[in-house]
């Protein structure tokens, strides 16, 4: 019987995930008035804003890796439920969970300027 070792990095990983989840929520708040055709389009814009917010939070000399929109839409993503709740809760009437299943296409709907 082998004992499973504790992950020594777990506390810092949990802190990083919580911070990023907070930034995702903030980004979605900033995008509240915008309409997106697909969940991918919302994820792309959200990831751009989160990347900018993380860059602004970085300490001097740090250059954080930009967030990929795929981080938001992966099946096991820690953030997908936040994005999906926002997408479902907006003003669009023709939303379908089928959009979440068909990630074979990407629709770039905007190059939004960030005022955050």
Protein backbone atom coordinates (compact mmCIF):
# COMPACT_ATOMS: atom_id res chain seq x y z
CA UNK A 1 0.00 0.00 0.00
CA UNK A 2 1.42 3.29 -1.07
CA UNK A 3 0.29 6.43 0.63
CA UNK A 4 -0.72 9.25 -1.63
CA UNK A 5 1.52 12.20 -0.97
CA UNK A 6 0.09 15.62 -0.34
CA UNK A 7 0.64 18.16 -3.06
CA UNK A 8 2.93 20.79 -1.51
CA UNK A 9 1.77 23.31 -4.10
CA UNK A 10 -1.96 22.87 -3.45
CA UNK A 11 -2.42 26.03 -1.33
CA UNK A 12 -0.76 28.30 -3.91
CA UNK A 13 -2.62 26.58 -6.77
CA UNK A 14 -5.96 27.06 -5.01
CA UNK A 15 -5.13 30.72 -4.39
CA UNK A 16 -4.24 31.23 -8.06
CA UNK A 17 -7.46 29.51 -9.23
CA UNK A 18 -9.57 31.63 -6.85
CA UNK A 19 -7.88 34.83 -8.06
CA UNK A 20 -8.40 33.89 -11.70
CA UNK A 21 -12.06 32.99 -11.05
CA UNK A 22 -12.53 36.44 -9.50
CA UNK A 23 -10.92 38.03 -12.56
CA UNK A 24 -13.17 35.99 -14.88
CA UNK A 25 -16.21 37.30 -12.98
CA UNK A 26 -14.88 40.87 -13.21
CA UNK A 27 -14.27 40.47 -16.96
CA UNK A 28 -17.80 39.13 -17.45
CA UNK A 29 -19.17 42.09 -15.50
CA UNK A 30 -17.31 44.39 -17.90
CA UNK A 31 -18.85 42.51 -20.84
CA UNK A 32 -22.36 42.54 -19.38
CA UNK A 33 -23.84 44.77 -22.08
CA UNK A 34 -22.31 42.93 -25.03
CA UNK A 35 -24.00 40.18 -27.05
CA UNK A 36 -22.04 37.18 -28.24
CA UNK A 37 -23.12 34.72 -30.90
CA UNK A 38 -21.33 31.75 -29.37
CA UNK A 39 -19.79 30.73 -26.07
CA UNK A 40 -16.41 30.72 -27.84
CA UNK A 41 -16.78 34.37 -28.77
CA UNK A 42 -17.57 35.25 -25.14
CA UNK A 43 -14.62 33.12 -23.97
CA UNK A 44 -12.22 34.87 -26.36
CA UNK A 45 -13.19 38.35 -25.14
CA UNK A 46 -13.17 37.23 -21.51
CA UNK A 47 -9.71 35.69 -21.83
CA UNK A 48 -8.36 38.91 -23.37
CA UNK A 49 -9.65 40.97 -20.45
CA UNK A 50 -8.43 38.47 -17.84
CA UNK A 51 -4.97 38.52 -19.47
CA UNK A 52 -4.89 42.30 -19.23
CA UNK A 53 -6.05 42.27 -15.60
CA UNK A 54 -3.42 39.68 -14.69
CA UNK A 55 -0.77 41.76 -16.45
CA UNK A 56 -1.81 44.76 -14.35
CA UNK A 57 -1.66 42.67 -11.17
CA UNK A 58 1.81 41.33 -11.94
CA UNK A 59 4.75 42.44 -9.87
CA UNK A 60 7.49 44.49 -11.50
CA UNK A 61 9.49 42.36 -13.88
CA UNK A 62 6.84 39.63 -14.14
CA UNK A 63 5.21 38.94 -17.46
CA UNK A 64 2.27 36.58 -16.92
CA UNK A 65 1.37 34.17 -19.69
CA UNK A 66 -1.79 35.38 -21.48
CA UNK A 67 -4.90 33.37 -20.73
CA UNK A 68 -6.10 31.17 -23.55
CA UNK A 69 -9.82 31.16 -24.23
CA UNK A 70 -9.63 27.35 -24.24
CA UNK A 71 -8.87 27.50 -20.51
CA UNK A 72 -12.41 28.80 -20.06
CA UNK A 73 -14.21 26.22 -22.17
CA UNK A 74 -12.44 22.94 -21.46
CA UNK A 75 -14.63 20.12 -20.19
CA UNK A 76 -12.84 20.02 -16.83
CA UNK A 77 -12.27 23.77 -16.58
CA UNK A 78 -12.56 25.38 -13.18
CA UNK A 79 -14.04 28.44 -14.92
CA UNK A 80 -16.45 26.98 -17.50
CA UNK A 81 -19.43 27.03 -15.12
CA UNK A 82 -18.90 30.77 -14.54
CA UNK A 83 -18.77 31.48 -18.28
CA UNK A 84 -21.76 29.24 -19.04
CA UNK A 85 -23.87 30.87 -16.32
CA UNK A 86 -23.10 34.32 -17.76
CA UNK A 87 -23.79 33.19 -21.32
CA UNK A 88 -27.13 31.69 -20.36
CA UNK A 89 -28.10 34.68 -18.25
CA UNK A 90 -27.65 37.37 -20.90
CA UNK A 91 -30.10 38.95 -23.30
CA UNK A 92 -29.83 36.46 -26.17
CA UNK A 93 -32.90 34.34 -26.78
CA UNK A 94 -31.48 31.76 -29.21
CA UNK A 95 -28.89 30.13 -26.99
CA UNK A 96 -28.29 26.44 -27.12
CA UNK A 97 -26.12 24.05 -25.18
CA UNK A 98 -25.27 22.66 -28.60
CA UNK A 99 -22.90 25.62 -28.96
CA UNK A 100 -20.87 24.17 -26.09
CA UNK A 101 -20.65 20.83 -27.88
CA UNK A 102 -19.57 22.24 -31.24
CA UNK A 103 -16.17 23.74 -30.59
CA UNK A 104 -15.09 23.05 -34.15
CA UNK A 105 -15.57 26.69 -35.06
CA UNK A 106 -14.56 29.99 -33.60
CA UNK A 107 -16.36 33.22 -34.25
CA UNK A 108 -14.39 36.36 -33.63
CA UNK A 109 -17.06 38.94 -33.14
CA UNK A 110 -15.14 41.89 -31.84
CA UNK A 111 -11.87 43.49 -31.05
CA UNK A 112 -13.10 45.22 -27.94
CA UNK A 113 -11.11 48.02 -26.41
CA UNK A 114 -10.75 47.49 -22.69
CA UNK A 115 -11.51 50.33 -20.34
CA UNK A 116 -10.86 48.67 -17.02
